[in-house]
Amino acid sequence: MSKTLSTNAVASGWEGHLKGSSGYRRILAGLALAGVATFAQLYSTQAVLPLMAADLHITAAEAALTISLATVGLAVTVLPWSFVADRIGRVRAMAIGITAATVFGLLVPLAPNMPVLLGLRTLEGMALGGIPAIAIAYLNEEVSRIHTALAAGSYVAGTTLGGLAGRLVAGPVGELWGWRSAALAVSLLATVSAVLFLVLVPKQRRFRPAPAGGFRGAMRTLGRHSANPKLLALYIQAFLLMGGFVAVYNYLGFRLHADPFALPGTLVSLIFLAYLSGTVSSRWGAGLTLRFGRRNVLLAGIGIMAGGLALTALDNLVVILLGLVVFTGGFFAAHSVGAGWTGAIAVDGRAQAASLYNLSYYLGSSVIGWAGGLVFQAFGWQALALSLTALACTTAVITAVVHRSPAGAPAG
């Protein structure tokens, strides 16, 4: 049935759901819920790492592996999932991935020991790899071209809410009943979100199964995308900006714990509320692309990030928190534009194009998120902020040079 709908839609020249239509609203709601289910689970243990370390008698670094391995699992499977989605369909692939992830998530609280826990978290991340890139490819196919940037921004807004919800739900529940109860609470939230996603998301109408090209065909598709300067610039942007974003959130807490601020851990954990600015800016920034074009909005988001970073370098708590809110808003505005732009640029193999973006995104999180700590430990926060500002400026220059043509302007 889905294949028939796709063929009929392509044959009739149907150009996608328009903003304001029932299908458009269902796509936005469904993908937002998919974002909640994905990122609530991915970061669910971050707020309870100390409790987990104490309960399992492990070090902080070992406890942090529950985050790292889930993220690695996602990163290494985004490309395989994209090829699966090209054969069986976007909606079906996302449904399989999100269902498997919720099952593994519900098993996490039952893990009897650390090896089993890490294995389940890795499998959970691998299942979640079927959501981020496919979601962008799906909306690029099913939403009218003029509104794809706005739709991508709405999806990214859902991911911010998911990441925030996972941390805010796990923290208080973990304090009251332990980390296992916290993991269960987040998994239940993700399960409800996943069920609603499956109910709401419309059937695909423009999807056409890709012919089986084998390993060589897959490598040719990836090679074409990697050789496309416009896509490559977006992959560099994802790597550098996400790396800087994670580094800020990894190490700002250490700065606020230390003198002269000496804030307690409970208050420091509230810095994640700054994610709400990203919830707003991701959709707002994507909407501005209709007036100013993707290139200009992406550059503006990078500039806002740099401005927020500069504020965090000052020794005033209120100014630092304001800077964090500004920085977060700028990042998610830029990310929402970049994530949606990959599918608009790619003529074919859109799922692979989006998967390479996500691969770069999470590699940046791992590499720069870790390396930023070396700068912070050796030279302090100001040096880290300056280094990350340099990365943002590098990204802006690459974007400005590569995307000089009007290709990034909104259709129509």
Protein backbone atom coordinates (compact mmCIF):
# COMPACT_ATOMS: atom_id res chain seq x y z
CA MET A 1 0.00 0.00 0.00
CA SER A 2 2.77 2.43 0.95
CA LYS A 3 4.65 1.66 -2.27
CA THR A 4 1.46 2.26 -4.32
CA LEU A 5 0.90 5.61 -2.60
CA SER A 6 4.50 6.61 -3.33
CA THR A 7 4.24 5.70 -7.01
CA ASN A 8 0.91 7.47 -7.44
CA ALA A 9 2.18 10.61 -5.68
CA VAL A 10 5.27 10.82 -7.89
CA ALA A 11 3.29 10.11 -11.04
CA SER A 12 0.69 12.78 -10.26
CA GLY A 13 3.33 15.42 -9.61
CA TRP A 14 2.34 15.86 -5.95
CA GLU A 15 4.98 18.12 -4.37
CA GLY A 16 4.52 17.39 -0.70
CA HIS A 17 2.47 18.48 2.28
CA LEU A 18 1.97 22.23 2.50
CA LYS A 19 2.30 24.22 5.71
CA GLY A 20 -1.04 24.28 7.53
CA SER A 21 -2.31 21.03 6.06
CA SER A 22 -3.29 18.08 8.23
CA GLY A 23 -0.45 15.97 6.85
CA TYR A 24 2.10 18.70 7.57
CA ARG A 25 0.93 19.02 11.18
CA ARG A 26 1.02 15.25 11.67
CA ILE A 27 4.56 15.07 10.29
CA LEU A 28 5.75 17.81 12.66
CA ALA A 29 4.03 16.24 15.67
CA GLY A 30 5.22 12.74 14.81
CA LEU A 31 8.85 13.71 14.24
CA ALA A 32 8.89 15.89 17.37
CA LEU A 33 7.75 12.86 19.37
CA ALA A 34 10.41 10.76 17.65
CA GLY A 35 12.96 13.35 18.76
CA VAL A 36 11.75 13.10 22.34
CA ALA A 37 11.87 9.29 22.28
CA THR A 38 15.36 9.30 20.75
CA PHE A 39 17.19 11.91 22.78
CA ALA A 40 15.49 11.30 26.11
CA GLN A 41 16.84 7.75 25.94
CA LEU A 42 20.24 8.66 24.52
CA TYR A 43 21.13 10.95 27.45
CA SER A 44 18.94 9.35 30.13
CA THR A 45 21.84 8.29 32.40
CA GLN A 46 23.73 11.60 32.32
CA ALA A 47 21.84 13.09 35.27
CA VAL A 48 22.37 10.00 37.48
CA LEU A 49 25.99 9.09 36.76
CA PRO A 50 27.13 9.64 40.41
CA LEU A 51 24.29 7.47 41.71
CA MET A 52 25.13 4.77 39.19
CA ALA A 53 28.83 4.87 40.11
CA ALA A 54 28.04 4.46 43.81
CA ASP A 55 25.52 1.66 43.29
CA LEU A 56 27.66 -0.38 40.90
CA HIS A 57 30.97 0.43 42.65
CA ILE A 58 32.56 1.87 39.53
CA THR A 59 34.46 5.05 38.74
CA ALA A 60 32.94 8.17 37.23
CA ALA A 61 34.69 7.49 33.92
CA GLU A 62 33.24 3.97 33.79
CA ALA A 63 29.77 5.30 34.54
CA ALA A 64 30.15 7.84 31.73
CA LEU A 65 30.59 4.95 29.30
CA THR A 66 26.81 4.52 29.46
CA ILE A 67 26.59 7.80 27.53
CA SER A 68 29.63 7.33 25.32
CA LEU A 69 28.77 3.83 24.11
CA ALA A 70 25.17 4.78 23.36
CA THR A 71 26.42 7.73 21.30
CA VAL A 72 29.02 5.59 19.53
CA GLY A 73 26.35 2.99 18.79
CA LEU A 74 24.22 5.68 17.18
CA ALA A 75 27.12 7.12 15.18
CA VAL A 76 28.24 3.81 13.67
CA THR A 77 24.74 2.78 12.59
CA VAL A 78 23.39 5.96 10.98
CA LEU A 79 24.84 4.95 7.61
CA PRO A 80 23.63 1.30 7.65
CA TRP A 81 20.18 2.49 8.72
CA SER A 82 20.07 4.93 5.81
CA PHE A 83 20.58 2.11 3.31
CA VAL A 84 17.90 0.03 5.03
CA ALA A 85 15.53 3.00 4.78
CA ASP A 86 16.25 3.32 1.06
CA ARG A 87 15.02 -0.24 0.57
CA ILE A 88 12.11 -0.67 2.99
CA GLY A 89 10.92 2.92 3.37
CA ARG A 90 11.54 5.77 5.81
CA VAL A 91 8.53 5.24 8.06
CA ARG A 92 9.02 1.50 8.35
CA ALA A 93 12.72 1.90 9.17
CA MET A 94 12.02 4.53 11.82
CA ALA A 95 9.28 2.37 13.32
CA ILE A 96 11.64 -0.62 13.62
CA GLY A 97 14.42 1.50 15.13
CA ILE A 98 12.30 3.35 17.66
CA THR A 99 10.52 0.14 18.74
CA ALA A 100 13.79 -1.73 19.25
CA ALA A 101 15.28 1.19 21.18
CA THR A 102 12.35 1.37 23.60
CA VAL A 103 12.59 -2.38 24.25
CA PHE A 104 16.31 -2.13 25.05
CA GLY A 105 15.61 0.97 27.15
CA LEU A 106 13.06 -0.90 29.26
CA LEU A 107 15.64 -3.66 29.86
CA VAL A 108 18.36 -1.23 31.05
CA PRO A 109 17.00 -0.94 34.65
CA LEU A 110 17.12 -4.75 34.91
CA ALA A 111 20.82 -5.04 34.02
CA PRO A 112 22.46 -7.21 36.73
CA ASN A 113 25.99 -5.90 36.18
CA MET A 114 28.08 -3.35 34.33
CA PRO A 115 28.93 -5.40 31.20
CA VAL A 116 25.25 -6.16 30.58
CA LEU A 117 24.34 -2.52 31.21
CA LEU A 118 26.93 -1.28 28.70
CA GLY A 119 25.82 -3.87 26.17
CA LEU A 120 22.18 -2.78 26.44
CA ARG A 121 23.12 0.90 26.16
CA THR A 122 25.19 0.18 23.05
CA LEU A 123 22.29 -1.72 21.46
CA GLU A 124 19.94 1.09 22.44
CA GLY A 125 22.17 3.61 20.68
CA MET A 126 22.46 1.39 17.60
CA ALA A 127 18.66 1.18 17.36
CA LEU A 128 18.36 4.95 17.77
CA GLY A 129 20.70 5.40 14.80
CA GLY A 130 17.66 4.69 12.65
CA ILE A 131 15.90 7.92 13.63
CA PRO A 132 17.88 11.19 13.19
CA ALA A 133 19.07 10.93 9.57
CA ILE A 134 15.99 9.11 8.29
CA ALA A 135 13.69 11.71 9.85
CA ILE A 136 15.37 14.49 7.86
CA ALA A 137 15.25 12.46 4.63
CA TYR A 138 11.57 11.67 5.25
CA LEU A 139 10.47 15.26 5.72
CA ASN A 140 12.53 16.41 2.73
CA GLU A 141 10.52 13.97 0.61
CA GLU A 142 7.09 14.45 2.13
CA VAL A 143 6.99 18.20 2.88
CA SER A 144 6.68 20.84 0.18
CA ARG A 145 10.17 22.06 -0.69
CA ILE A 146 9.50 25.63 0.38
CA HIS A 147 8.69 24.46 3.92
CA THR A 148 11.36 21.77 4.48
CA ALA A 149 13.65 24.10 6.44
CA LEU A 150 10.82 25.03 8.81
CA ALA A 151 9.85 21.38 9.21
CA ALA A 152 13.47 20.43 9.96
CA GLY A 153 13.60 23.17 12.59
CA SER A 154 10.49 21.76 14.26
CA TYR A 155 12.10 18.33 14.37
CA VAL A 156 15.29 19.74 15.93
CA ALA A 157 13.10 21.54 18.49
CA GLY A 158 11.71 18.14 19.45
CA THR A 159 15.22 16.78 19.90
CA THR A 160 16.07 19.60 22.32
CA LEU A 161 12.97 18.85 24.37
CA GLY A 162 13.87 15.17 24.37
CA GLY A 163 17.41 15.77 25.57
CA LEU A 164 16.14 18.12 28.28
CA ALA A 165 13.31 15.81 29.34
CA GLY A 166 15.65 12.86 29.76
CA ARG A 167 17.84 14.83 32.15
CA LEU A 168 15.06 16.58 34.09
CA VAL A 169 13.03 13.41 34.59
CA ALA A 170 16.00 11.22 35.55
CA GLY A 171 17.52 13.66 38.07
CA PRO A 172 14.69 13.96 40.64
CA VAL A 173 13.53 10.34 40.24
CA GLY A 174 17.09 9.12 40.72
CA GLU A 175 17.50 11.17 43.92
CA LEU A 176 14.34 9.60 45.36
CA TRP A 177 14.47 5.99 44.17
CA GLY A 178 17.84 5.35 42.55
CA TRP A 179 19.26 5.29 39.04
CA ARG A 180 17.33 2.21 37.97
CA SER A 181 14.02 3.92 38.67
CA ALA A 182 15.30 6.98 36.83
CA ALA A 183 16.19 4.90 33.76
CA LEU A 184 12.77 3.23 33.90
CA ALA A 185 10.97 6.59 34.13
CA VAL A 186 12.78 7.90 31.06
CA SER A 187 12.14 4.67 29.16
CA LEU A 188 8.43 4.91 29.92
CA LEU A 189 8.41 8.50 28.66
CA ALA A 190 10.16 7.34 25.50
CA THR A 191 7.71 4.47 25.07
CA VAL A 192 4.70 6.79 25.20
CA SER A 193 6.39 9.14 22.73
CA ALA A 194 7.24 6.25 20.40
CA VAL A 195 3.65 4.95 20.40
CA LEU A 196 2.30 8.42 19.61
CA PHE A 197 4.86 8.77 16.82
CA LEU A 198 3.69 5.51 15.23
CA VAL A 199 0.06 6.65 15.44
CA LEU A 200 0.59 10.17 14.10
CA VAL A 201 3.24 9.95 11.38
CA PRO A 202 1.61 9.89 7.90
CA LYS A 203 2.32 7.19 5.35
CA GLN A 204 5.02 8.10 2.87
CA ARG A 205 3.76 9.22 -0.53
CA ARG A 206 6.90 10.21 -2.45
CA PHE A 207 9.27 7.43 -1.43
CA ARG A 208 10.70 5.26 -4.19
CA PRO A 209 12.77 2.22 -3.13
CA ALA A 210 16.39 2.50 -4.20
CA PRO A 211 17.74 -0.39 -6.29
CA ALA A 212 20.12 -2.72 -4.50
CA GLY A 213 23.56 -1.48 -5.46
CA GLY A 214 25.56 -3.62 -3.10
CA PHE A 215 28.62 -2.44 -1.21
CA ARG A 216 30.17 -0.75 -4.23
CA GLY A 217 26.98 1.14 -4.94
CA ALA A 218 26.84 2.30 -1.34
CA MET A 219 30.42 3.51 -1.48
CA ARG A 220 29.73 5.38 -4.71
CA THR A 221 26.79 7.17 -3.11
CA LEU A 222 28.85 8.14 -0.07
CA GLY A 223 31.72 9.19 -2.32
CA ARG A 224 29.48 11.52 -4.32
CA HIS A 225 28.20 13.18 -1.17
CA SER A 226 31.67 13.50 0.35
CA ALA A 227 32.97 15.09 -2.88
CA ASN A 228 30.14 17.64 -3.01
CA PRO A 229 31.66 20.88 -1.61
CA LYS A 230 28.32 22.16 -0.34
CA LEU A 231 27.59 18.98 1.59
CA LEU A 232 31.18 18.72 2.82
CA ALA A 233 30.94 22.24 4.23
CA LEU A 234 27.82 21.22 6.16
CA TYR A 235 29.56 18.12 7.51
CA ILE A 236 32.48 20.26 8.74
CA GLN A 237 29.99 22.65 10.31
CA ALA A 238 28.27 19.76 12.13
CA PHE A 239 31.60 18.40 13.41
CA LEU A 240 32.97 21.72 14.68
CA LEU A 241 29.80 23.27 16.09
CA MET A 242 28.52 20.15 17.85
CA GLY A 243 31.99 19.52 19.27
CA GLY A 244 32.09 23.04 20.68
CA PHE A 245 28.55 22.74 22.03
CA VAL A 246 29.29 19.52 23.93
CA ALA A 247 32.58 20.90 25.25
CA VAL A 248 30.78 23.90 26.77
CA TYR A 249 28.22 21.73 28.55
CA ASN A 250 30.84 19.19 29.62
CA TYR A 251 33.11 21.68 31.38
CA LEU A 252 31.06 24.73 32.35
CA GLY A 253 29.76 22.74 35.31
CA PHE A 254 33.33 22.30 36.58
CA ARG A 255 33.86 26.04 36.39
CA LEU A 256 30.65 26.79 38.31
CA HIS A 257 31.55 24.20 40.98
CA ALA A 258 34.91 25.88 41.60
CA ASP A 259 35.69 29.27 43.15
CA PRO A 260 34.61 32.00 42.94
CA PHE A 261 31.13 30.59 42.27
CA ALA A 262 31.19 27.34 44.30
CA LEU A 263 27.66 26.36 43.29
CA PRO A 264 26.16 23.08 44.59
CA GLY A 265 25.60 20.27 42.15
CA THR A 266 21.80 20.62 42.22
CA LEU A 267 21.98 24.18 40.96
CA VAL A 268 24.64 23.39 38.39
CA SER A 269 22.41 20.70 36.87
CA LEU A 270 19.83 23.39 36.10
CA ILE A 271 22.08 24.81 33.39
CA PHE A 272 20.46 22.28 31.06
CA LEU A 273 17.34 24.45 31.14
CA ALA A 274 19.21 26.64 28.66
CA TYR A 275 18.21 23.97 26.13
CA LEU A 276 14.80 25.67 26.05
CA SER A 277 16.33 28.55 24.13
CA GLY A 278 17.33 25.98 21.51
CA THR A 279 13.78 24.66 21.39
CA VAL A 280 12.62 28.14 20.37
CA SER A 281 15.55 29.16 18.17
CA SER A 282 15.66 25.95 16.09
CA ARG A 283 12.16 26.53 14.77
CA TRP A 284 12.47 30.31 14.69
CA GLY A 285 15.76 30.17 12.80
CA ALA A 286 14.39 27.66 10.31
CA GLY A 287 11.41 29.93 9.70
CA LEU A 288 13.70 32.87 8.96
CA THR A 289 15.24 30.94 6.07
CA LEU A 290 12.08 31.67 4.09
CA ARG A 291 12.98 35.38 4.19
CA PHE A 292 16.75 35.44 4.34
CA GLY A 293 17.93 32.10 2.95
CA ARG A 294 19.65 29.21 4.70
CA ARG A 295 23.18 30.58 4.29
CA ASN A 296 22.47 33.87 6.02
CA VAL A 297 20.55 32.31 8.90
CA LEU A 298 23.27 29.69 9.45
CA LEU A 299 25.93 32.42 9.58
CA ALA A 300 23.79 34.44 11.99
CA GLY A 301 23.43 31.39 14.26
CA ILE A 302 27.21 30.91 14.32
CA GLY A 303 27.68 34.60 15.16
CA ILE A 304 25.20 34.34 18.03
CA MET A 305 27.09 31.29 19.33
CA ALA A 306 30.35 33.25 19.34
CA GLY A 307 28.71 36.14 21.16
CA GLY A 308 27.34 33.85 23.84
CA LEU A 309 30.75 32.23 24.29
CA ALA A 310 32.32 35.65 24.83
CA LEU A 311 29.86 36.34 27.66
CA THR A 312 30.74 33.07 29.42
CA ALA A 313 34.38 34.20 29.64
CA LEU A 314 33.45 36.92 32.15
CA ASP A 315 33.48 36.30 35.91
CA ASN A 316 29.87 37.28 36.56
CA LEU A 317 27.41 34.44 37.20
CA VAL A 318 24.38 36.19 35.71
CA VAL A 319 26.33 37.14 32.58
CA ILE A 320 27.68 33.57 32.24
CA LEU A 321 24.20 32.08 32.40
CA LEU A 322 22.92 34.65 29.92
CA GLY A 323 25.82 33.78 27.64
CA LEU A 324 24.94 30.08 27.89
CA VAL A 325 21.34 30.77 26.86
CA VAL A 326 22.51 32.88 23.90
CA PHE A 327 25.14 30.31 22.90
CA THR A 328 22.62 27.45 23.03
CA GLY A 329 20.05 29.35 21.01
CA GLY A 330 22.60 30.18 18.33
CA PHE A 331 23.81 26.59 18.10
CA PHE A 332 20.39 25.04 17.61
CA ALA A 333 19.41 27.69 15.06
CA ALA A 334 22.52 26.83 13.02
CA HIS A 335 22.07 23.07 13.52
CA SER A 336 18.43 23.09 12.40
CA VAL A 337 19.40 24.85 9.17
CA GLY A 338 22.37 22.57 8.49
CA ALA A 339 20.44 19.37 9.21
CA GLY A 340 17.61 20.29 6.86
CA TRP A 341 19.92 21.64 4.16
CA THR A 342 21.63 18.30 3.55
CA GLY A 343 18.46 16.72 2.19
CA ALA A 344 17.73 19.78 0.04
CA ILE A 345 21.19 19.70 -1.58
CA ALA A 346 21.40 15.95 -2.17
CA VAL A 347 19.76 15.00 -5.48
CA ASP A 348 19.72 11.28 -4.60
CA GLY A 349 20.74 9.23 -1.60
CA ARG A 350 19.19 11.76 0.76
CA ALA A 351 19.20 9.36 3.69
CA GLN A 352 22.94 8.82 3.19
CA ALA A 353 23.55 12.58 2.94
CA ALA A 354 21.72 13.11 6.23
CA SER A 355 23.53 10.14 7.78
CA LEU A 356 26.94 11.63 6.94
CA TYR A 357 25.80 14.85 8.61
CA ASN A 358 24.83 12.93 11.75
CA LEU A 359 28.05 10.93 11.67
CA SER A 360 30.05 14.17 11.58
CA TYR A 361 27.81 15.62 14.29
CA TYR A 362 28.44 12.82 16.76
CA LEU A 363 32.11 12.44 15.91
CA GLY A 364 32.50 16.14 16.75
CA SER A 365 30.72 15.50 20.02
CA SER A 366 33.17 12.72 20.89
CA VAL A 367 36.43 14.28 19.68
CA ILE A 368 36.11 17.98 20.47
CA GLY A 369 33.93 17.31 23.50
CA TRP A 370 36.84 15.32 24.96
CA ALA A 371 39.71 17.47 23.66
CA GLY A 372 38.14 20.61 25.07
CA GLY A 373 38.82 19.19 28.52
CA LEU A 374 42.55 19.15 27.85
CA VAL A 375 42.46 22.88 27.05
CA PHE A 376 40.29 23.62 30.08
CA GLN A 377 42.52 21.68 32.50
CA ALA A 378 45.73 23.21 31.18
CA PHE A 379 44.72 26.84 30.55
CA GLY A 380 41.29 27.50 32.08
CA TRP A 381 37.85 28.44 30.86
CA GLN A 382 38.82 31.60 28.99
CA ALA A 383 41.24 29.64 26.81
CA LEU A 384 38.58 27.03 26.09
CA ALA A 385 36.03 29.71 25.15
CA LEU A 386 38.59 31.37 22.86
CA SER A 387 39.45 28.05 21.19
CA LEU A 388 35.79 27.25 20.56
CA THR A 389 35.21 30.75 19.21
CA ALA A 390 38.04 30.13 16.72
CA LEU A 391 36.31 26.92 15.60
CA ALA A 392 33.03 28.81 15.15
CA CYS A 393 34.76 31.50 13.09
CA THR A 394 36.40 28.82 10.94
CA THR A 395 32.98 27.28 10.33
CA ALA A 396 31.52 30.67 9.38
CA VAL A 397 34.28 31.34 6.85
CA ILE A 398 33.86 27.91 5.23
CA THR A 399 30.09 28.37 5.04
CA ALA A 400 30.35 31.88 3.60
CA VAL A 401 32.86 30.83 0.91
CA VAL A 402 31.34 27.51 -0.18
CA HIS A 403 27.71 28.61 -0.18
CA ARG A 404 28.16 31.85 -2.10
CA SER A 405 25.75 30.76 -4.84
CA PRO A 406 22.00 31.30 -4.45
CA ALA A 407 21.46 27.54 -4.13
CA GLY A 408 20.69 27.95 -0.43
CA ALA A 409 17.93 30.49 -1.03
CA PRO A 410 14.42 29.21 -0.35
CA ALA A 411 12.53 27.86 -3.32
CA GLY A 412 9.99 30.31 -4.74
